[in-house]
Amino acid sequence: TAATLAAVVVSTSGVVVADEVKPGTVPAAKPAPPPPAGPPA
């Protein structure tokens, strides 16, 4: 029973990791912040 629970925990954490970053793929870059507002026209 203890081994089963450990496997479930490992499997669950592995699913979470797989959801975050898939093997062999590059994580998407975060969008760049907007440029600072210039002086009013």
Full PDB file with SEQRES, HELIX, SHEET, SSBOND, CRYST1, ORIGX, SCALE, CONECT and MASTER records, all heavy atoms in Angstrom:
SEQRES   1 A   41  THR ALA ALA THR LEU ALA ALA VAL VAL VAL SER THR SER          
SEQRES   2 A   41  GLY VAL VAL VAL ALA ASP GLU VAL LYS PRO GLY THR VAL          
SEQRES   3 A   41  PRO ALA ALA LYS PRO ALA PRO PRO PRO PRO ALA GLY PRO          
SEQRES   4 A   41  PRO ALA                                                      
HELIX    1 AA1 ALA A    2  GLU A   20  1                                  19    
CRYST1    1.000    1.000    1.000  90.00  90.00  90.00 P 1           1          
ORIGX1      1.000000  0.000000  0.000000        0.00000                         
ORIGX2      0.000000  1.000000  0.000000        0.00000                         
ORIGX3      0.000000  0.000000  1.000000        0.00000                         
SCALE1      1.000000  0.000000  0.000000        0.00000                         
SCALE2      0.000000  1.000000  0.000000        0.00000                         
SCALE3      0.000000  0.000000  1.000000        0.00000                         
ATOM      1  N   THR A   1       0.836  -1.221   0.000  1.00  0.00           N  
ATOM      2  CA  THR A   1       0.000   0.000   0.000  1.00  0.00           C  
ATOM      3  C   THR A   1       0.855   1.248   0.000  1.00  0.00           C  
ATOM      4  O   THR A   1       0.603   2.226  -0.710  1.00  0.00           O  
ATOM      5  CB  THR A   1      -0.928  -0.010   1.218  1.00  0.00           C  
ATOM      6  OG1 THR A   1      -1.706  -1.200   1.196  1.00  0.00           O  
ATOM      7  CG2 THR A   1      -1.842   1.196   1.210  1.00  0.00           C  
ATOM      8  N   ALA A   2       1.952   1.219   0.824  1.00  0.00           N  
ATOM      9  CA  ALA A   2       2.847   2.376   0.872  1.00  0.00           C  
ATOM     10  C   ALA A   2       3.535   2.592  -0.462  1.00  0.00           C  
ATOM     11  O   ALA A   2       3.695   3.725  -0.938  1.00  0.00           O  
ATOM     12  CB  ALA A   2       3.884   2.191   1.986  1.00  0.00           C  
ATOM     13  N   ALA A   3       3.931   1.479  -1.127  1.00  0.00           N  
ATOM     14  CA  ALA A   3       4.584   1.616  -2.425  1.00  0.00           C  
ATOM     15  C   ALA A   3       3.629   2.144  -3.474  1.00  0.00           C  
ATOM     16  O   ALA A   3       3.989   2.946  -4.344  1.00  0.00           O  
ATOM     17  CB  ALA A   3       5.144   0.240  -2.860  1.00  0.00           C  
ATOM     18  N   THR A   4       2.374   1.729  -3.378  1.00  0.00           N  
ATOM     19  CA  THR A   4       1.366   2.226  -4.324  1.00  0.00           C  
ATOM     20  C   THR A   4       1.151   3.725  -4.170  1.00  0.00           C  
ATOM     21  O   THR A   4       1.056   4.479  -5.139  1.00  0.00           O  
ATOM     22  CB  THR A   4       0.048   1.481  -4.136  1.00  0.00           C  
ATOM     23  OG1 THR A   4       0.304   0.079  -4.287  1.00  0.00           O  
ATOM     24  CG2 THR A   4      -0.980   1.919  -5.148  1.00  0.00           C  
ATOM     25  N   LEU A   5       1.049   4.180  -2.915  1.00  0.00           N  
ATOM     26  CA  LEU A   5       0.867   5.608  -2.647  1.00  0.00           C  
ATOM     27  C   LEU A   5       2.058   6.415  -3.156  1.00  0.00           C  
ATOM     28  O   LEU A   5       1.915   7.485  -3.734  1.00  0.00           O  
ATOM     29  CB  LEU A   5       0.667   5.841  -1.153  1.00  0.00           C  
ATOM     30  CG  LEU A   5      -0.646   5.291  -0.556  1.00  0.00           C  
ATOM     31  CD1 LEU A   5      -0.674   5.497   0.947  1.00  0.00           C  
ATOM     32  CD2 LEU A   5      -1.838   5.966  -1.221  1.00  0.00           C  
ATOM     33  N   ALA A   6       3.280   5.861  -2.937  1.00  0.00           N  
ATOM     34  CA  ALA A   6       4.471   6.568  -3.420  1.00  0.00           C  
ATOM     35  C   ALA A   6       4.469   6.659  -4.930  1.00  0.00           C  
ATOM     36  O   ALA A   6       4.829   7.686  -5.517  1.00  0.00           O  
ATOM     37  CB  ALA A   6       5.733   5.861  -2.916  1.00  0.00           C  
ATOM     38  N   ALA A   7       4.032   5.596  -5.591  1.00  0.00           N  
ATOM     39  CA  ALA A   7       3.981   5.611  -7.044  1.00  0.00           C  
ATOM     40  C   ALA A   7       2.969   6.618  -7.553  1.00  0.00           C  
ATOM     41  O   ALA A   7       3.178   7.311  -8.557  1.00  0.00           O  
ATOM     42  CB  ALA A   7       3.654   4.203  -7.574  1.00  0.00           C  
ATOM     43  N   VAL A   8       1.842   6.693  -6.831  1.00  0.00           N  
ATOM     44  CA  VAL A   8       0.825   7.670  -7.220  1.00  0.00           C  
ATOM     45  C   VAL A   8       1.353   9.085  -7.078  1.00  0.00           C  
ATOM     46  O   VAL A   8       1.144   9.955  -7.925  1.00  0.00           O  
ATOM     47  CB  VAL A   8      -0.452   7.450  -6.396  1.00  0.00           C  
ATOM     48  CG1 VAL A   8      -1.433   8.595  -6.636  1.00  0.00           C  
ATOM     49  CG2 VAL A   8      -1.082   6.119  -6.741  1.00  0.00           C  
ATOM     50  N   VAL A   9       2.091   9.321  -5.955  1.00  0.00           N  
ATOM     51  CA  VAL A   9       2.650  10.654  -5.736  1.00  0.00           C  
ATOM     52  C   VAL A   9       3.661  10.985  -6.808  1.00  0.00           C  
ATOM     53  O   VAL A   9       3.660  12.067  -7.406  1.00  0.00           O  
ATOM     54  CB  VAL A   9       3.274  10.745  -4.330  1.00  0.00           C  
ATOM     55  CG1 VAL A   9       4.031  12.061  -4.169  1.00  0.00           C  
ATOM     56  CG2 VAL A   9       2.205  10.601  -3.279  1.00  0.00           C  
ATOM     57  N   VAL A  10       4.559  10.006  -7.136  1.00  0.00           N  
ATOM     58  CA  VAL A  10       5.549  10.243  -8.175  1.00  0.00           C  
ATOM     59  C   VAL A  10       4.886  10.449  -9.519  1.00  0.00           C  
ATOM     60  O   VAL A  10       5.246  11.335 -10.296  1.00  0.00           O  
ATOM     61  CB  VAL A  10       6.551   9.068  -8.220  1.00  0.00           C  
ATOM     62  CG1 VAL A  10       7.480   9.199  -9.417  1.00  0.00           C  
ATOM     63  CG2 VAL A  10       7.355   9.008  -6.926  1.00  0.00           C  
ATOM     64  N   SER A  11       3.869   9.634  -9.816  1.00  0.00           N  
ATOM     65  CA  SER A  11       3.163   9.783 -11.090  1.00  0.00           C  
ATOM     66  C   SER A  11       2.469  11.133 -11.190  1.00  0.00           C  
ATOM     67  O   SER A  11       2.488  11.791 -12.224  1.00  0.00           O  
ATOM     68  CB  SER A  11       2.155   8.637 -11.250  1.00  0.00           C  
ATOM     69  OG  SER A  11       1.413   8.815 -12.420  1.00  0.00           O  
ATOM     70  N   THR A  12       1.855  11.558 -10.069  1.00  0.00           N  
ATOM     71  CA  THR A  12       1.169  12.855 -10.076  1.00  0.00           C  
ATOM     72  C   THR A  12       2.147  14.003 -10.296  1.00  0.00           C  
ATOM     73  O   THR A  12       1.922  14.915 -11.090  1.00  0.00           O  
ATOM     74  CB  THR A  12       0.413  13.049  -8.751  1.00  0.00           C  
ATOM     75  OG1 THR A  12      -0.465  11.951  -8.572  1.00  0.00           O  
ATOM     76  CG2 THR A  12      -0.366  14.349  -8.766  1.00  0.00           C  
ATOM     77  N   SER A  13       3.284  13.959  -9.566  1.00  0.00           N  
ATOM     78  CA  SER A  13       4.281  15.017  -9.754  1.00  0.00           C  
ATOM     79  C   SER A  13       4.859  14.989 -11.149  1.00  0.00           C  
ATOM     80  O   SER A  13       5.115  16.018 -11.751  1.00  0.00           O  
ATOM     81  CB  SER A  13       5.404  14.867  -8.710  1.00  0.00           C  
ATOM     82  OG  SER A  13       6.043  13.600  -8.881  1.00  0.00           O  
ATOM     83  N   GLY A  14       5.004  13.807 -11.718  1.00  0.00           N  
ATOM     84  CA  GLY A  14       5.501  13.710 -13.088  1.00  0.00           C  
ATOM     85  C   GLY A  14       4.532  14.292 -14.081  1.00  0.00           C  
ATOM     86  O   GLY A  14       4.917  14.949 -15.039  1.00  0.00           O  
ATOM     87  N   VAL A  15       3.238  14.107 -13.840  1.00  0.00           N  
ATOM     88  CA  VAL A  15       2.233  14.705 -14.721  1.00  0.00           C  
ATOM     89  C   VAL A  15       2.288  16.221 -14.651  1.00  0.00           C  
ATOM     90  O   VAL A  15       2.207  16.919 -15.648  1.00  0.00           O  
ATOM     91  CB  VAL A  15       0.839  14.159 -14.362  1.00  0.00           C  
ATOM     92  CG1 VAL A  15      -0.227  14.918 -15.117  1.00  0.00           C  
ATOM     93  CG2 VAL A  15       0.763  12.673 -14.667  1.00  0.00           C  
ATOM     94  N   VAL A  16       2.473  16.713 -13.422  1.00  0.00           N  
ATOM     95  CA  VAL A  16       2.545  18.166 -13.266  1.00  0.00           C  
ATOM     96  C   VAL A  16       3.740  18.730 -14.008  1.00  0.00           C  
ATOM     97  O   VAL A  16       3.663  19.722 -14.720  1.00  0.00           O  
ATOM     98  CB  VAL A  16       2.579  18.535 -11.767  1.00  0.00           C  
ATOM     99  CG1 VAL A  16       2.819  20.029 -11.592  1.00  0.00           C  
ATOM    100  CG2 VAL A  16       1.302  18.100 -11.097  1.00  0.00           C  
ATOM    101  N   VAL A  17       4.876  18.034 -13.865  1.00  0.00           N  
ATOM    102  CA  VAL A  17       6.073  18.509 -14.556  1.00  0.00           C  
ATOM    103  C   VAL A  17       5.893  18.429 -16.047  1.00  0.00           C  
ATOM    104  O   VAL A  17       6.280  19.319 -16.797  1.00  0.00           O  
ATOM    105  CB  VAL A  17       7.304  17.687 -14.095  1.00  0.00           C  
ATOM    106  CG1 VAL A  17       8.524  18.064 -14.931  1.00  0.00           C  
ATOM    107  CG2 VAL A  17       7.566  17.919 -12.624  1.00  0.00           C  
ATOM    108  N   ALA A  18       5.261  17.356 -16.500  1.00  0.00           N  
ATOM    109  CA  ALA A  18       5.033  17.208 -17.933  1.00  0.00           C  
ATOM    110  C   ALA A  18       4.116  18.299 -18.453  1.00  0.00           C  
ATOM    111  O   ALA A  18       4.254  18.767 -19.580  1.00  0.00           O  
ATOM    112  CB  ALA A  18       4.448  15.828 -18.230  1.00  0.00           C  
ATOM    113  N   ASP A  19       3.136  18.730 -17.602  1.00  0.00           N  
ATOM    114  CA  ASP A  19       2.246  19.797 -18.035  1.00  0.00           C  
ATOM    115  C   ASP A  19       2.986  21.125 -18.128  1.00  0.00           C  
ATOM    116  O   ASP A  19       2.665  21.976 -18.961  1.00  0.00           O  
ATOM    117  CB  ASP A  19       1.067  19.914 -17.070  1.00  0.00           C  
ATOM    118  CG  ASP A  19       0.113  18.726 -17.216  1.00  0.00           C  
ATOM    119  OD1 ASP A  19       0.165  18.052 -18.281  1.00  0.00           O  
ATOM    120  OD2 ASP A  19      -0.638  18.486 -16.275  1.00  0.00           O  
ATOM    121  N   GLU A  20       3.971  21.311 -17.222  1.00  0.00           N  
ATOM    122  CA  GLU A  20       4.682  22.587 -17.221  1.00  0.00           C  
ATOM    123  C   GLU A  20       5.659  22.671 -18.382  1.00  0.00           C  
ATOM    124  O   GLU A  20       5.674  23.634 -19.136  1.00  0.00           O  
ATOM    125  CB  GLU A  20       5.398  22.789 -15.889  1.00  0.00           C  
ATOM    126  CG  GLU A  20       4.434  22.981 -14.714  1.00  0.00           C  
ATOM    127  CD  GLU A  20       5.180  23.177 -13.410  1.00  0.00           C  
ATOM    128  OE1 GLU A  20       6.422  23.040 -13.421  1.00  0.00           O  
ATOM    129  OE2 GLU A  20       4.539  23.474 -12.412  1.00  0.00           O  
ATOM    130  N   VAL A  21       6.515  21.693 -18.527  1.00  0.00           N  
ATOM    131  CA  VAL A  21       7.509  21.698 -19.595  1.00  0.00           C  
ATOM    132  C   VAL A  21       7.526  20.319 -20.233  1.00  0.00           C  
ATOM    133  O   VAL A  21       7.831  19.328 -19.576  1.00  0.00           O  
ATOM    134  CB  VAL A  21       8.919  22.048 -19.060  1.00  0.00           C  
ATOM    135  CG1 VAL A  21       9.928  22.038 -20.206  1.00  0.00           C  
ATOM    136  CG2 VAL A  21       8.910  23.377 -18.355  1.00  0.00           C  
ATOM    137  N   LYS A  22       7.178  20.204 -21.475  1.00  0.00           N  
ATOM    138  CA  LYS A  22       7.210  18.931 -22.186  1.00  0.00           C  
ATOM    139  C   LYS A  22       8.631  18.640 -22.623  1.00  0.00           C  
ATOM    140  O   LYS A  22       9.359  19.544 -23.034  1.00  0.00           O  
ATOM    141  CB  LYS A  22       6.285  18.988 -23.393  1.00  0.00           C  
ATOM    142  CG  LYS A  22       4.822  19.117 -23.022  1.00  0.00           C  
ATOM    143  CD  LYS A  22       3.955  19.114 -24.258  1.00  0.00           C  
ATOM    144  CE  LYS A  22       2.490  19.230 -23.874  1.00  0.00           C  
ATOM    145  NZ  LYS A  22       1.616  19.216 -25.065  1.00  0.00           N  
ATOM    146  N   PRO A  23       9.018  17.408 -22.534  1.00  0.00           N  
ATOM    147  CA  PRO A  23      10.385  17.049 -22.955  1.00  0.00           C  
ATOM    148  C   PRO A  23      10.592  17.358 -24.426  1.00  0.00           C  
ATOM    149  O   PRO A  23       9.742  17.116 -25.265  1.00  0.00           O  
ATOM    150  CB  PRO A  23      10.452  15.545 -22.672  1.00  0.00           C  
ATOM    151  CG  PRO A  23       9.363  15.281 -21.703  1.00  0.00           C  
ATOM    152  CD  PRO A  23       8.295  16.259 -21.991  1.00  0.00           C  
ATOM    153  N   GLY A  24      11.776  17.917 -24.734  1.00  0.00           N  
ATOM    154  CA  GLY A  24      12.131  18.198 -26.119  1.00  0.00           C  
ATOM    155  C   GLY A  24      11.537  19.468 -26.690  1.00  0.00           C  
ATOM    156  O   GLY A  24      11.617  19.697 -27.896  1.00  0.00           O  
ATOM    157  N   THR A  25      10.865  20.301 -25.864  1.00  0.00           N  
ATOM    158  CA  THR A  25      10.277  21.557 -26.346  1.00  0.00           C  
ATOM    159  C   THR A  25      10.883  22.723 -25.596  1.00  0.00           C  
ATOM    160  O   THR A  25      11.370  22.590 -24.467  1.00  0.00           O  
ATOM    161  CB  THR A  25       8.755  21.573 -26.148  1.00  0.00           C  
ATOM    162  OG1 THR A  25       8.470  21.433 -24.762  1.00  0.00           O  
ATOM    163  CG2 THR A  25       8.102  20.438 -26.929  1.00  0.00           C  
ATOM    164  N   VAL A  26      10.850  23.904 -26.213  1.00  0.00           N  
ATOM    165  CA  VAL A  26      11.376  25.130 -25.597  1.00  0.00           C  
ATOM    166  C   VAL A  26      10.219  25.886 -24.968  1.00  0.00           C  
ATOM    167  O   VAL A  26       9.190  26.103 -25.620  1.00  0.00           O  
ATOM    168  CB  VAL A  26      12.072  26.007 -26.658  1.00  0.00           C  
ATOM    169  CG1 VAL A  26      12.609  27.292 -26.023  1.00  0.00           C  
ATOM    170  CG2 VAL A  26      13.201  25.218 -27.304  1.00  0.00           C  
ATOM    171  N   PRO A  27      10.340  26.256 -23.719  1.00  0.00           N  
ATOM    172  CA  PRO A  27       9.230  26.996 -23.085  1.00  0.00           C  
ATOM    173  C   PRO A  27       8.979  28.327 -23.792  1.00  0.00           C  
ATOM    174  O   PRO A  27       9.903  28.970 -24.281  1.00  0.00           O  
ATOM    175  CB  PRO A  27       9.708  27.194 -21.644  1.00  0.00           C  
ATOM    176  CG  PRO A  27      11.184  27.039 -21.688  1.00  0.00           C  
ATOM    177  CD  PRO A  27      11.474  26.057 -22.787  1.00  0.00           C  
ATOM    178  N   ALA A  28       7.702  28.678 -23.866  1.00  0.00           N  
ATOM    179  CA  ALA A  28       7.328  29.935 -24.532  1.00  0.00           C  
ATOM    180  C   ALA A  28       7.862  31.128 -23.766  1.00  0.00           C  
ATOM    181  O   ALA A  28       7.815  31.159 -22.537  1.00  0.00           O  
ATOM    182  CB  ALA A  28       5.815  30.026 -24.657  1.00  0.00           C  
ATOM    183  N   ALA A  29       8.380  32.105 -24.516  1.00  0.00           N  
ATOM    184  CA  ALA A  29       8.928  33.307 -23.878  1.00  0.00           C  
ATOM    185  C   ALA A  29       7.801  34.190 -23.382  1.00  0.00           C  
ATOM    186  O   ALA A  29       6.734  34.284 -23.984  1.00  0.00           O  
ATOM    187  CB  ALA A  29       9.796  34.067 -24.877  1.00  0.00           C  
ATOM    188  N   LYS A  30       8.049  34.837 -22.271  1.00  0.00           N  
ATOM    189  CA  LYS A  30       7.057  35.758 -21.719  1.00  0.00           C  
ATOM    190  C   LYS A  30       6.963  37.009 -22.592  1.00  0.00           C  
ATOM    191  O   LYS A  30       7.972  37.451 -23.151  1.00  0.00           O  
ATOM    192  CB  LYS A  30       7.439  36.157 -20.299  1.00  0.00           C  
ATOM    193  CG  LYS A  30       7.419  34.998 -19.318  1.00  0.00           C  
ATOM    194  CD  LYS A  30       7.755  35.482 -17.918  1.00  0.00           C  
ATOM    195  CE  LYS A  30       7.719  34.323 -16.916  1.00  0.00           C  
ATOM    196  NZ  LYS A  30       8.042  34.789 -15.544  1.00  0.00           N  
ATOM    197  N   PRO A  31       5.767  37.579 -22.719  1.00  0.00           N  
ATOM    198  CA  PRO A  31       5.646  38.798 -23.546  1.00  0.00           C  
ATOM    199  C   PRO A  31       6.449  39.944 -22.961  1.00  0.00           C  
ATOM    200  O   PRO A  31       6.515  40.119 -21.749  1.00  0.00           O  
ATOM    201  CB  PRO A  31       4.137  39.092 -23.513  1.00  0.00           C  
ATOM    202  CG  PRO A  31       3.642  38.391 -22.296  1.00  0.00           C  
ATOM    203  CD  PRO A  31       4.494  37.160 -22.132  1.00  0.00           C  
ATOM    204  N   ALA A  32       7.086  40.709 -23.839  1.00  0.00           N  
ATOM    205  CA  ALA A  32       7.913  41.836 -23.395  1.00  0.00           C  
ATOM    206  C   ALA A  32       7.028  42.928 -22.808  1.00  0.00           C  
ATOM    207  O   ALA A  32       5.913  43.162 -23.273  1.00  0.00           O  
ATOM    208  CB  ALA A  32       8.713  42.386 -24.573  1.00  0.00           C  
ATOM    209  N   PRO A  33       7.505  43.586 -21.753  1.00  0.00           N  
ATOM    210  CA  PRO A  33       6.709  44.677 -21.175  1.00  0.00           C  
ATOM    211  C   PRO A  33       6.556  45.823 -22.165  1.00  0.00           C  
ATOM    212  O   PRO A  33       7.424  46.038 -23.016  1.00  0.00           O  
ATOM    213  CB  PRO A  33       7.528  45.092 -19.947  1.00  0.00           C  
ATOM    214  CG  PRO A  33       8.931  44.672 -20.271  1.00  0.00           C  
ATOM    215  CD  PRO A  33       8.793  43.416 -21.079  1.00  0.00           C  
ATOM    216  N   PRO A  34       5.478  46.562 -22.088  1.00  0.00           N  
ATOM    217  CA  PRO A  34       5.284  47.690 -23.020  1.00  0.00           C  
ATOM    218  C   PRO A  34       6.353  48.741 -22.815  1.00  0.00           C  
ATOM    219  O   PRO A  34       6.854  48.932 -21.708  1.00  0.00           O  
ATOM    220  CB  PRO A  34       3.894  48.219 -22.656  1.00  0.00           C  
ATOM    221  CG  PRO A  34       3.683  47.769 -21.247  1.00  0.00           C  
ATOM    222  CD  PRO A  34       4.387  46.452 -21.118  1.00  0.00           C  
ATOM    223  N   PRO A  35       6.754  49.428 -23.870  1.00  0.00           N  
ATOM    224  CA  PRO A  35       7.785  50.474 -23.733  1.00  0.00           C  
ATOM    225  C   PRO A  35       7.277  51.616 -22.856  1.00  0.00           C  
ATOM    226  O   PRO A  35       6.078  51.884 -22.774  1.00  0.00           O  
ATOM    227  CB  PRO A  35       8.006  50.940 -25.178  1.00  0.00           C  
ATOM    228  CG  PRO A  35       6.738  50.589 -25.888  1.00  0.00           C  
ATOM    229  CD  PRO A  35       6.244  49.325 -25.237  1.00  0.00           C  
ATOM    230  N   PRO A  36       8.191  52.283 -22.167  1.00  0.00           N  
ATOM    231  CA  PRO A  36       7.751  53.413 -21.315  1.00  0.00           C  
ATOM    232  C   PRO A  36       7.121  54.518 -22.145  1.00  0.00           C  
ATOM    233  O   PRO A  36       7.519  54.781 -23.275  1.00  0.00           O  
ATOM    234  CB  PRO A  36       9.062  53.869 -20.655  1.00  0.00           C  
ATOM    235  CG  PRO A  36      10.141  53.391 -21.578  1.00  0.00           C  
ATOM    236  CD  PRO A  36       9.643  52.089 -22.154  1.00  0.00           C  
ATOM    237  N   ALA A  37       6.125  55.119 -21.542  1.00  0.00           N  
ATOM    238  CA  ALA A  37       5.417  56.192 -22.243  1.00  0.00           C  
ATOM    239  C   ALA A  37       6.334  57.394 -22.428  1.00  0.00           C  
ATOM    240  O   ALA A  37       7.024  57.811 -21.496  1.00  0.00           O  
ATOM    241  CB  ALA A  37       4.173  56.594 -21.468  1.00  0.00           C  
ATOM    242  N   GLY A  38       6.365  57.926 -23.622  1.00  0.00           N  
ATOM    243  CA  GLY A  38       7.189  59.090 -23.907  1.00  0.00           C  
ATOM    244  C   GLY A  38       6.509  60.367 -23.471  1.00  0.00           C  
ATOM    245  O   GLY A  38       5.402  60.353 -22.894  1.00  0.00           O  
ATOM    246  N   PRO A  39       7.112  61.501 -23.704  1.00  0.00           N  
ATOM    247  CA  PRO A  39       6.495  62.779 -23.336  1.00  0.00           C  
ATOM    248  C   PRO A  39       5.224  63.002 -24.131  1.00  0.00           C  
ATOM    249  O   PRO A  39       5.094  62.550 -25.266  1.00  0.00           O  
ATOM    250  CB  PRO A  39       7.577  63.818 -23.702  1.00  0.00           C  
ATOM    251  CG  PRO A  39       8.421  63.125 -24.730  1.00  0.00           C  
ATOM    252  CD  PRO A  39       8.395  61.667 -24.374  1.00  0.00           C  
ATOM    253  N   PRO A  40       4.245  63.659 -23.526  1.00  0.00           N  
ATOM    254  CA  PRO A  40       2.980  63.890 -24.245  1.00  0.00           C  
ATOM    255  C   PRO A  40       3.194  64.715 -25.505  1.00  0.00           C  
ATOM    256  O   PRO A  40       4.011  65.641 -25.541  1.00  0.00           O  
ATOM    257  CB  PRO A  40       2.127  64.670 -23.222  1.00  0.00           C  
ATOM    258  CG  PRO A  40       3.121  65.259 -22.266  1.00  0.00           C  
ATOM    259  CD  PRO A  40       4.269  64.276 -22.194  1.00  0.00           C  
ATOM    260  N   ALA A  41       2.489  64.340 -26.527  1.00  0.00           N  
ATOM    261  CA  ALA A  41       2.619  65.056 -27.804  1.00  0.00           C  
ATOM    262  C   ALA A  41       2.122  66.484 -27.656  1.00  0.00           C  
ATOM    263  O   ALA A  41       1.089  66.747 -27.026  1.00  0.00           O  
ATOM    264  CB  ALA A  41       1.831  64.329 -28.886  1.00  0.00           C  
TER     265      ALA A  41                                                      
MASTER        0    0    0    1    0    0    0    6  264    1    0    4          
END                                                                             
